[in-house]
Protein backbone atom coordinates (compact mmCIF):
# COMPACT_ATOMS: atom_id res chain seq x y z
CA MET A 1 -34.44 65.08 30.14
CA LYS A 2 -30.67 64.82 30.46
CA HIS A 3 -30.88 64.37 34.14
CA ILE A 4 -32.86 61.00 33.61
CA ILE A 5 -29.99 59.41 31.87
CA ASN A 6 -27.01 61.10 33.49
CA GLN A 7 -27.93 59.75 36.87
CA PHE A 8 -27.10 56.29 35.67
CA ASN A 9 -23.52 55.23 34.88
CA LEU A 10 -24.53 53.89 31.47
CA LEU A 11 -22.13 52.06 29.17
CA ALA A 12 -21.82 53.34 25.61
CA ILE A 13 -25.20 52.14 24.55
CA THR A 14 -26.97 54.83 22.64
CA ALA A 15 -25.86 53.42 19.35
CA CYS A 16 -29.11 51.78 18.97
CA VAL A 17 -30.51 54.78 17.22
CA LEU A 18 -29.55 56.46 13.96
CA ALA A 19 -28.40 59.97 14.19
CA ALA A 20 -31.17 61.15 12.01
CA CYS A 21 -33.86 60.26 14.64
CA SER A 22 -34.23 56.76 13.44
CA GLY A 23 -32.80 53.71 14.87
CA GLY A 24 -31.72 50.14 14.63
CA GLY A 25 -28.81 49.28 16.84
CA ASN A 26 -25.13 49.41 15.80
CA GLU A 27 -23.47 48.48 19.15
CA SER A 28 -24.03 44.68 19.28
CA GLN A 29 -21.71 42.13 17.80
CA VAL A 30 -24.42 39.44 17.94
CA GLN A 31 -25.50 38.38 14.46
CA GLN A 32 -29.15 38.00 13.62
CA LYS A 33 -28.71 34.55 12.26
CA GLN A 34 -26.26 33.49 14.93
CA ALA A 35 -26.86 29.89 16.13
CA GLN A 36 -27.89 29.90 19.62
CA THR A 37 -29.99 27.62 21.82
CA PRO A 38 -33.25 29.26 22.85
CA PRO A 39 -33.74 29.81 26.48
CA ALA A 40 -34.83 26.73 28.27
CA THR A 41 -38.42 26.72 29.69
CA THR A 42 -36.93 27.65 32.99
CA SER A 43 -33.28 28.23 33.80
CA ALA A 44 -31.05 29.32 36.54
CA PRO A 45 -28.93 32.56 36.09
CA ALA A 46 -26.38 32.25 33.41
CA PRO A 47 -23.66 29.60 34.31
CA ASP A 48 -20.95 31.87 32.86
CA GLY A 49 -21.43 34.20 35.73
CA THR A 50 -22.92 36.97 33.63
CA GLY A 51 -23.89 39.88 35.81
CA SER A 52 -23.29 37.72 38.95
CA ASN A 53 -22.75 40.79 41.09
CA GLY A 54 -25.87 42.66 39.77
CA ALA A 55 -29.57 42.48 40.49
CA LYS A 56 -31.21 39.19 39.58
CA ILE A 57 -33.56 39.95 36.64
CA GLY A 58 -36.17 37.49 35.39
CA ILE A 59 -36.85 37.72 31.69
CA ASP A 60 -39.26 35.60 29.63
CA GLN A 61 -38.69 34.91 26.10
CA PRO A 62 -42.11 35.11 24.34
CA ARG A 63 -41.51 33.13 21.24
CA ILE A 64 -38.68 31.78 19.08
CA ASP A 65 -40.65 31.22 15.79
CA THR A 66 -39.56 34.27 13.87
CA ASP A 67 -36.29 35.97 12.94
CA PHE A 68 -37.06 39.03 14.96
CA TRP A 69 -37.71 37.09 18.21
CA THR A 70 -34.64 34.84 17.56
CA ALA A 71 -32.48 38.02 17.19
CA PHE A 72 -34.04 39.30 20.46
CA ALA A 73 -33.06 36.14 22.24
CA ASN A 74 -29.62 36.32 20.94
CA TYR A 75 -29.26 39.94 22.16
CA VAL A 76 -30.51 39.35 25.75
CA PRO A 77 -27.26 37.68 27.22
CA THR A 78 -24.99 40.25 25.61
CA LYS A 79 -27.02 43.15 26.83
CA GLY A 80 -27.39 41.60 30.34
CA GLN A 81 -23.65 41.30 30.43
CA GLU A 82 -23.07 44.97 29.42
CA LEU A 83 -25.54 46.09 32.04
CA GLY A 84 -24.28 43.86 34.86
CA ALA A 85 -27.61 42.01 35.19
CA ASN A 86 -27.78 38.65 36.67
CA LEU A 87 -30.38 36.94 34.40
CA TYR A 88 -32.98 34.25 35.16
CA GLN A 89 -34.29 33.24 31.85
CA THR A 90 -37.55 31.43 30.92
CA SER A 91 -39.49 30.79 27.74
CA SER A 92 -43.29 30.75 27.27
CA ASN A 93 -43.46 29.80 23.48
CA ASN A 94 -46.40 32.13 22.81
CA ASP A 95 -48.50 30.51 25.59
CA ALA A 96 -50.04 32.93 27.98
CA GLN A 97 -50.58 30.36 30.66
CA LYS A 98 -46.98 29.24 30.50
CA MET A 99 -45.89 32.87 30.89
CA ILE A 100 -47.94 33.20 33.94
CA ALA A 101 -46.41 30.04 35.38
CA ASN A 102 -42.95 31.28 34.53
CA VAL A 103 -43.61 34.47 36.48
CA GLN A 104 -44.73 32.49 39.56
CA GLN A 105 -41.39 30.55 39.28
CA MET A 106 -39.48 33.83 38.97
CA LEU A 107 -41.04 35.30 41.99
CA GLN A 108 -40.05 32.09 43.92
CA SER A 109 -36.51 32.52 42.77
CA ASP A 110 -35.74 35.88 44.57
CA VAL A 111 -35.80 38.08 41.29
CA LYS A 112 -35.72 41.85 41.91
CA ALA A 113 -37.50 42.76 38.62
CA ILE A 114 -39.12 40.95 35.59
CA VAL A 115 -39.18 41.53 31.97
CA LEU A 116 -42.06 40.27 29.89
CA ALA A 117 -43.20 40.49 26.34
CA PRO A 118 -46.86 39.32 26.50
CA GLN A 119 -48.08 38.37 23.16
CA ASP A 120 -51.74 38.30 24.43
CA THR A 121 -51.86 41.68 26.08
CA ALA A 122 -55.15 40.94 27.85
CA ALA A 123 -53.81 37.81 29.43
CA ALA A 124 -50.91 39.50 31.17
CA THR A 125 -53.11 40.92 33.87
CA SER A 126 -52.71 38.04 36.29
CA ALA A 127 -48.96 37.83 35.90
CA LEU A 128 -48.74 41.54 36.74
CA ALA A 129 -50.91 41.17 39.65
CA ALA A 130 -48.81 38.28 41.06
CA ALA A 131 -45.65 40.46 40.71
CA LYS A 132 -47.37 43.51 42.25
CA ALA A 133 -48.42 41.40 45.30
CA GLN A 134 -44.77 40.69 46.08
CA ASN A 135 -43.65 44.27 45.13
CA ILE A 136 -41.69 43.12 42.19
CA PRO A 137 -41.54 45.73 39.24
CA VAL A 138 -42.24 44.50 35.77
CA VAL A 139 -41.04 45.90 32.43
CA THR A 140 -42.79 44.86 29.41
CA VAL A 141 -41.09 44.93 25.98
CA ASP A 142 -42.66 45.10 22.48
CA THR A 143 -46.26 45.14 23.82
CA ARG A 144 -48.14 47.24 26.32
CA PRO A 145 -50.62 45.19 28.59
CA ASP A 146 -54.21 46.15 28.40
CA ALA A 147 -54.42 46.57 32.10
CA GLY A 148 -52.13 46.16 35.19
CA ASP A 149 -49.15 47.89 36.82
CA VAL A 150 -46.01 48.13 34.78
CA TYR A 151 -42.87 50.04 35.69
CA MET A 152 -42.06 50.79 32.12
CA VAL A 153 -43.10 49.79 28.64
CA VAL A 154 -40.27 49.53 26.04
CA ARG A 155 -41.65 49.55 22.46
CA ALA A 156 -41.65 51.59 19.36
CA ASP A 157 -44.69 53.69 18.33
CA ASN A 158 -46.71 50.95 16.67
CA GLN A 159 -49.22 53.54 15.36
CA ALA A 160 -46.39 55.10 13.45
CA TYR A 161 -45.75 51.70 11.88
CA GLY A 162 -49.15 51.59 10.42
CA SER A 163 -49.33 55.22 9.36
CA ASN A 164 -45.84 55.23 7.84
CA ALA A 165 -46.57 52.04 5.87
CA CYS A 166 -49.74 53.80 4.58
CA VAL A 167 -47.60 56.73 3.38
CA VAL A 168 -45.03 54.55 1.56
CA ILE A 169 -47.78 52.55 -0.23
CA GLY A 170 -50.03 55.54 -0.84
CA GLU A 171 -47.29 57.62 -2.38
CA LYS A 172 -45.80 54.80 -4.46
CA LEU A 173 -49.31 54.04 -5.80
CA LYS A 174 -50.09 57.76 -6.21
CA GLY A 175 -53.34 57.35 -4.23
CA GLU A 176 -54.96 54.60 -6.39
CA GLY A 177 -55.37 50.89 -6.35
CA ARG A 178 -56.25 47.77 -4.29
CA VAL A 179 -54.15 47.04 -1.21
CA VAL A 180 -54.04 43.82 0.95
CA GLU A 181 -53.27 44.25 4.56
CA PHE A 182 -51.95 41.28 6.60
CA GLN A 183 -53.25 42.34 10.08
CA GLY A 184 -51.43 41.08 13.12
CA ALA A 185 -53.40 39.49 16.02
CA LEU A 186 -56.06 41.98 17.13
CA ASN A 187 -55.84 40.78 20.74
CA SER A 188 -52.39 42.41 20.78
CA ILE A 189 -51.91 46.04 21.22
CA ASN A 190 -49.33 46.00 18.29
CA GLY A 191 -51.86 44.40 15.89
CA ARG A 192 -54.45 46.92 16.89
CA ASP A 193 -52.27 49.92 16.81
CA ARG A 194 -50.85 49.12 13.37
CA SER A 195 -54.23 48.12 11.88
CA GLU A 196 -56.10 51.19 13.28
CA ALA A 197 -53.44 53.66 12.18
CA PHE A 198 -53.11 52.14 8.70
CA ALA A 199 -56.90 52.37 8.21
CA GLU A 200 -57.17 55.91 9.49
CA CYS A 201 -54.25 57.12 7.22
CA MET A 202 -55.68 55.50 4.18
CA LYS A 203 -59.06 56.93 4.86
CA THR A 204 -57.85 60.47 5.33
CA LYS A 205 -54.94 60.56 2.96
CA TYR A 206 -55.62 58.12 0.18
CA PRO A 207 -59.34 57.64 0.04
CA ASN A 208 -59.17 56.14 -3.43
CA ILE A 209 -57.18 53.20 -2.36
CA LYS A 210 -59.32 50.17 -1.44
CA VAL A 211 -58.02 48.23 1.55
CA ILE A 212 -58.67 44.54 1.98
CA GLU A 213 -58.09 43.72 5.56
CA ILE A 214 -57.03 40.06 6.31
CA PRO A 215 -56.91 39.05 9.97
CA THR A 216 -54.08 36.57 10.41
CA ASP A 217 -53.37 36.15 14.12
CA TRP A 218 -49.64 36.49 13.22
CA LYS A 219 -49.81 33.42 11.11
CA LYS A 220 -48.71 32.89 7.54
CA GLU A 221 -51.56 30.48 6.38
CA PRO A 222 -54.44 32.84 6.67
CA ALA A 223 -52.31 35.70 5.10
CA ILE A 224 -51.59 33.58 1.93
CA ALA A 225 -55.11 32.28 1.74
CA GLY A 226 -56.48 35.85 2.02
CA LEU A 227 -54.08 37.18 -0.58
CA GLN A 228 -55.16 34.37 -3.02
CA THR A 229 -58.82 35.33 -2.45
CA ALA A 230 -58.06 39.03 -3.01
CA LEU A 231 -56.29 38.26 -6.25
CA ALA A 232 -59.27 36.33 -7.47
CA GLY A 233 -61.25 39.45 -7.08
CA GLY A 234 -58.96 41.67 -9.14
CA LYS A 235 -55.50 43.12 -9.37
CA VAL A 236 -53.66 43.82 -6.18
CA ASN A 237 -51.35 46.77 -6.34
CA GLY A 238 -49.92 46.77 -2.88
CA ILE A 239 -49.39 44.60 0.36
CA TYR A 240 -48.86 45.73 3.88
CA MET A 241 -47.46 42.89 5.98
CA GLN A 242 -47.43 43.73 9.75
CA ALA A 243 -44.61 41.22 10.58
CA GLY A 244 -41.90 40.44 8.06
CA GLY A 245 -40.59 37.49 10.06
CA VAL A 246 -43.89 35.76 9.58
CA TYR A 247 -45.16 36.83 6.19
CA LEU A 248 -42.18 37.80 4.03
CA GLU A 249 -40.85 34.48 2.67
CA PRO A 250 -44.18 32.75 2.17
CA THR A 251 -45.58 35.84 0.40
CA LEU A 252 -42.63 36.22 -1.89
CA ALA A 253 -42.78 32.46 -2.68
CA PHE A 254 -46.49 32.70 -3.55
CA LEU A 255 -46.07 35.70 -5.74
CA LYS A 256 -43.22 34.09 -7.61
CA GLN A 257 -45.25 30.90 -8.14
CA LYS A 258 -48.07 33.13 -9.62
CA ASN A 259 -45.53 35.09 -11.74
CA LEU A 260 -46.48 38.23 -9.88
CA LEU A 261 -43.18 38.88 -8.19
CA LYS A 262 -41.89 41.79 -10.33
CA PRO A 263 -39.04 44.07 -9.36
CA ALA A 264 -39.49 47.68 -8.28
CA GLY A 265 -39.58 49.81 -11.35
CA ASP A 266 -41.53 47.28 -13.38
CA ALA A 267 -44.99 48.41 -14.37
CA GLU A 268 -46.54 45.38 -12.80
CA HIS A 269 -44.65 45.49 -9.52
CA ILE A 270 -46.70 45.07 -6.40
CA VAL A 271 -45.73 47.65 -3.77
CA ILE A 272 -44.91 45.78 -0.55
CA VAL A 273 -44.12 47.25 2.77
CA SER A 274 -43.19 45.17 5.85
CA ASN A 275 -42.52 45.57 9.56
CA ASP A 276 -39.46 44.16 11.51
CA GLY A 277 -36.19 45.16 10.04
CA ILE A 278 -34.80 41.61 9.75
CA LYS A 279 -31.92 40.77 7.47
CA SER A 280 -34.13 39.07 4.82
CA GLU A 281 -36.38 42.15 4.48
CA LEU A 282 -33.26 44.40 3.88
CA GLU A 283 -32.08 42.00 1.29
CA ALA A 284 -35.54 41.82 -0.39
CA ILE A 285 -35.52 45.66 -0.51
CA LYS A 286 -32.13 45.71 -2.21
CA ARG A 287 -33.32 43.15 -4.73
CA GLY A 288 -36.43 45.15 -5.47
CA ASP A 289 -38.85 42.58 -4.27
CA ILE A 290 -40.27 44.81 -1.60
CA ASP A 291 -40.28 48.52 -1.08
CA ALA A 292 -39.79 49.17 2.60
CA THR A 293 -39.78 47.96 6.01
CA VAL A 294 -39.95 49.50 9.57
CA SER A 295 -36.74 48.44 11.47
CA GLN A 296 -38.10 47.42 14.93
CA PRO A 297 -34.95 47.56 16.98
CA ALA A 298 -34.44 44.02 18.43
CA ASP A 299 -31.11 45.09 20.00
CA GLY A 300 -32.58 48.31 21.48
CA TYR A 301 -35.55 46.33 22.91
CA ALA A 302 -33.30 43.81 24.65
CA HIS A 303 -31.06 46.52 26.01
CA TRP A 304 -33.53 48.99 27.22
CA ALA A 305 -35.87 46.37 28.71
CA LEU A 306 -33.01 45.14 30.88
CA PHE A 307 -31.81 48.68 31.60
CA TYR A 308 -35.24 49.64 33.00
CA ALA A 309 -35.62 46.37 34.96
CA LYS A 310 -32.25 47.00 36.54
CA ALA A 311 -33.23 50.58 37.37
CA ALA A 312 -36.42 49.46 38.84
CA ALA A 313 -34.61 46.94 41.11
CA GLU A 314 -32.51 49.98 42.27
CA GLY A 315 -35.51 52.09 43.05
CA LYS A 316 -34.89 54.69 40.32
CA THR A 317 -37.70 56.64 38.58
CA PHE A 318 -38.37 58.35 35.34
CA GLN A 319 -40.75 60.89 33.88
CA VAL A 320 -42.35 62.03 30.61
CA GLY A 321 -39.99 63.59 28.00
CA LYS A 322 -37.16 63.17 25.62
CA THR A 323 -34.35 60.82 26.55
CA GLU A 324 -30.70 60.99 25.51
CA HIS A 325 -30.89 57.81 23.44
CA GLY A 326 -33.17 59.51 20.96
CA SER A 327 -36.62 58.27 22.21
CA ASN A 328 -39.58 59.79 23.91
CA ILE A 329 -41.11 58.64 27.20
CA VAL A 330 -44.77 59.14 27.00
CA GLN A 331 -47.78 58.24 29.31
CA PRO A 332 -50.33 56.32 27.32
CA ARG A 333 -52.49 56.02 30.44
CA ASP A 334 -52.45 57.13 34.12
CA GLY A 335 -49.64 55.61 36.12
CA LEU A 336 -47.94 54.01 33.00
CA LEU A 337 -44.88 55.17 31.20
CA GLU A 338 -43.70 53.98 27.77
CA ASP A 339 -40.27 54.64 26.21
CA GLN A 340 -41.00 54.66 22.52
CA ILE A 341 -37.74 53.45 20.94
CA VAL A 342 -37.32 54.92 17.45
CA ALA A 343 -37.81 52.64 14.52
CA PRO A 344 -36.81 54.00 11.03
CA VAL A 345 -38.64 53.26 7.82
CA VAL A 346 -36.09 51.68 5.45
CA THR A 347 -36.04 51.87 1.64
CA VAL A 348 -33.57 51.12 -1.04
CA ASP A 349 -32.30 54.74 -1.49
CA GLY A 350 -33.36 56.45 1.76
CA ALA A 351 -35.68 58.70 -0.30
CA LYS A 352 -38.24 61.11 1.24
CA LEU A 353 -41.78 60.08 0.64
CA GLY A 354 -44.38 62.76 1.33
CA ASP A 355 -43.22 64.05 4.68
CA LEU A 356 -41.56 60.79 5.60
CA GLN A 357 -37.76 60.56 5.58
CA THR A 358 -36.48 57.04 5.06
CA VAL A 359 -33.15 55.29 5.72
CA LYS A 360 -31.09 53.39 3.20
CA ALA A 361 -31.29 49.64 3.34
CA ASP A 362 -27.50 49.27 3.23
CA SER A 363 -27.00 51.49 6.23
CA PRO A 364 -24.41 49.87 8.56
CA ASP A 365 -26.37 51.37 11.57
CA LEU A 366 -29.38 49.03 11.02
CA TRP A 367 -29.34 46.02 13.44
CA GLY A 368 -30.42 43.84 10.44
CA ASN A 369 -27.26 44.52 8.68
CA LYS A 370 -25.00 43.43 11.62
């Protein structure tokens, strides 16, 4: 697959993956908690002249209500500057109709490619159709639309998120106990992938673990309410939260209030695995409050989404296979390519759990430690 990457004069950007086939970025100097005003609802290209000589790329910020998406928003201008992209930014605030309206405005603004992160993957169809009607390629990041034409999807293997979380919990509990799962929105491919893979892994590898599924629509209130109900029915030995930026802090606060937040190693410790890779998760792992997270690469998502949008505007093409930045391009359905950016499982000591090799929480290569 070397010819795929070599044909582009890339900057030194492949640091977004760990050498041991795991990756959170290590190239960006943008801090996760750096104060930055979110993109306006619609905005002209960056006034500082970022990428003024490059293709005009429209990019919609899907939401700004979690640490992960705040980090993504902070990475976008830096990655755009590195790639020489002229950014036209909008924000849809988790509103599918607003995203569709933003796409229409982008199309009226002479963009050459569009980057979207549709949170409702079924609702993206009309936006994709509008772009296709004007021959404007679309890259989606984090999610894969249920239908419609997309030039490239940039996301991690979300089924691996669910199955890897299952292995960590199953091994830590030695195949026994009751586990609560905070499911993400099931109208999202990410929520479905994580939930289905977690369920299948538990069923096949750890059949003596009882899983209590709590649909949450990526919201903390139903997660905590479901956890309280589960605790009323007996001891909870483990928790799988599909988005640390949403669930981590309220869950830890709730467990502390109930005197159930015991450190790893304590006989009463509840095994907790999260998804995101944000700084607060890494700190919670180091404290022993939680056991693991999957580091979803916010920096890698921003970089590769803009990279593929720029490549699309230049008429370049890709094919299935391994890339030089450590990922795999796969074909989830006919005519659709997906670059599955690697996302490592992070634990306090980088131990091997079953066949799963993890990465230490203090690794400087994790974007959450930047």
